[in-house]
Amino acid sequence: NNKSVEITGFSREEVFGQDLVKVYITEEFRDQVSMVLTNALGGQETSNFEFPLFTKNQQRVEVLLNATTRRDVTGRPIGMIGVGQDITARKQVEQEKSRVAQELQNFIDTA
């Protein structure tokens, strides 16, 4: 979709037909991401799963994934819907807050 193109820098044509996990997910997270997607296809949904991926320009992007099972009218799983959100900026703010808190604690401890 358009948001994926915006986040990753890859065009629709470049990603169409590609194996998402093998091509775009870092090796250390491939098994986990694959399991989340497989579980969703089997009816077990996952919320708020965080993992990194790399853009076309090799920049790391932190993604928050929700994988939801798509069901037919009888309730049988027929697919999955994955919604990923770029949380890179949020993670950077969290890291900066932790760094500042640690600096303040060190200042207090040495005062």
Protein backbone atom coordinates (compact mmCIF):
# COMPACT_ATOMS: atom_id res chain seq x y z
CA ASN A 1 0.00 0.00 0.00
CA ASN A 2 0.99 3.66 -0.17
CA LYS A 3 2.16 3.82 3.45
CA SER A 4 4.50 0.87 2.94
CA VAL A 5 6.00 2.59 -0.09
CA GLU A 6 6.43 5.78 1.93
CA ILE A 7 8.09 4.03 4.89
CA THR A 8 10.39 1.67 3.01
CA GLY A 9 11.21 3.57 -0.17
CA PHE A 10 10.46 0.47 -2.25
CA SER A 11 7.91 0.85 -5.05
CA ARG A 12 4.90 -1.44 -5.40
CA GLU A 13 6.54 -3.05 -8.41
CA GLU A 14 9.70 -3.83 -6.43
CA VAL A 15 7.86 -5.61 -3.61
CA PHE A 16 5.04 -7.31 -5.51
CA GLY A 17 5.50 -11.08 -5.36
CA GLN A 18 8.46 -10.89 -2.96
CA ASP A 19 8.62 -12.92 0.23
CA LEU A 20 8.17 -10.22 2.87
CA VAL A 21 9.95 -12.11 5.63
CA LYS A 22 12.93 -13.38 3.63
CA VAL A 23 13.59 -10.17 1.72
CA TYR A 24 12.71 -7.30 4.07
CA ILE A 25 13.05 -8.59 7.64
CA THR A 26 16.42 -8.76 9.39
CA GLU A 27 17.69 -12.28 9.90
CA GLU A 28 17.44 -12.13 13.69
CA PHE A 29 13.67 -11.44 13.49
CA ARG A 30 12.67 -13.62 10.51
CA ASP A 31 11.54 -16.61 12.57
CA GLN A 32 9.52 -14.46 14.97
CA VAL A 33 7.83 -12.41 12.23
CA SER A 34 7.13 -15.56 10.23
CA MET A 35 5.53 -17.15 13.29
CA VAL A 36 3.33 -14.09 13.94
CA LEU A 37 2.08 -14.18 10.34
CA THR A 38 1.61 -17.96 10.32
CA ASN A 39 -0.27 -17.83 13.61
CA ALA A 40 -2.61 -15.16 12.23
CA LEU A 41 -3.32 -17.38 9.21
CA GLY A 42 -4.22 -20.14 11.67
CA GLY A 43 -6.54 -18.01 13.78
CA GLN A 44 -4.18 -16.79 16.52
CA GLU A 45 -3.87 -13.02 16.36
CA THR A 46 -0.94 -10.94 17.59
CA SER A 47 -0.98 -7.35 18.81
CA ASN A 48 1.86 -4.89 19.33
CA PHE A 49 4.73 -7.00 18.03
CA GLU A 50 7.83 -4.84 17.50
CA PHE A 51 10.60 -5.57 15.00
CA PRO A 52 13.03 -3.69 12.76
CA LEU A 53 13.16 -3.64 9.00
CA PHE A 54 15.47 -1.82 6.63
CA THR A 55 14.46 0.65 3.94
CA LYS A 56 15.70 0.69 0.38
CA ASN A 57 18.41 3.10 1.60
CA GLN A 58 19.38 0.68 4.40
CA GLN A 59 17.92 2.85 7.17
CA ARG A 60 16.51 0.95 10.13
CA VAL A 61 12.79 1.45 10.76
CA GLU A 62 11.11 0.19 13.93
CA VAL A 63 7.72 -1.35 13.16
CA LEU A 64 4.79 -2.17 15.43
CA LEU A 65 2.77 -5.00 13.88
CA ASN A 66 -0.75 -6.18 14.53
CA ALA A 67 -1.67 -9.39 12.70
CA THR A 68 -5.38 -10.18 12.55
CA THR A 69 -7.07 -13.27 11.16
CA ARG A 70 -9.46 -12.77 8.27
CA ARG A 71 -12.40 -15.18 8.47
CA ASP A 72 -15.19 -16.32 6.18
CA VAL A 73 -18.88 -16.17 7.14
CA THR A 74 -18.57 -19.45 9.04
CA GLY A 75 -15.64 -18.18 11.12
CA ARG A 76 -13.02 -20.27 9.32
CA PRO A 77 -9.66 -18.49 8.81
CA ILE A 78 -9.16 -17.56 5.15
CA GLY A 79 -6.28 -15.11 5.41
CA MET A 80 -4.74 -12.43 7.52
CA ILE A 81 -4.48 -8.69 7.69
CA GLY A 82 -1.23 -7.21 8.89
CA VAL A 83 -1.09 -3.60 9.99
CA GLY A 84 2.35 -2.16 10.56
CA GLN A 85 3.10 1.23 12.05
CA ASP A 86 6.42 3.09 11.90
CA ILE A 87 7.34 3.74 15.53
CA THR A 88 10.95 4.80 14.91
CA ALA A 89 10.46 8.36 16.18
CA ARG A 90 8.62 7.15 19.28
CA LYS A 91 11.42 4.69 20.10
CA GLN A 92 14.02 7.44 19.70
CA VAL A 93 12.09 9.68 22.12
CA GLU A 94 11.85 6.82 24.63
CA GLN A 95 15.60 6.22 24.40
CA GLU A 96 16.34 9.92 24.88
CA LYS A 97 14.04 10.07 27.91
CA SER A 98 15.84 7.10 29.45
CA ARG A 99 19.23 8.69 28.76
CA VAL A 100 18.21 11.98 30.38
CA ALA A 101 16.71 10.18 33.37
CA GLN A 102 19.95 8.25 33.84
CA GLU A 103 22.00 11.45 33.62
CA LEU A 104 19.78 13.10 36.22
CA GLN A 105 20.07 10.08 38.51
CA ASN A 106 23.85 10.13 38.15
CA PHE A 107 23.87 13.85 38.94
CA ILE A 108 21.76 13.28 42.06
CA ASP A 109 23.92 10.35 43.17
CA THR A 110 27.13 12.36 42.88
CA ALA A 111 25.81 15.61 44.40
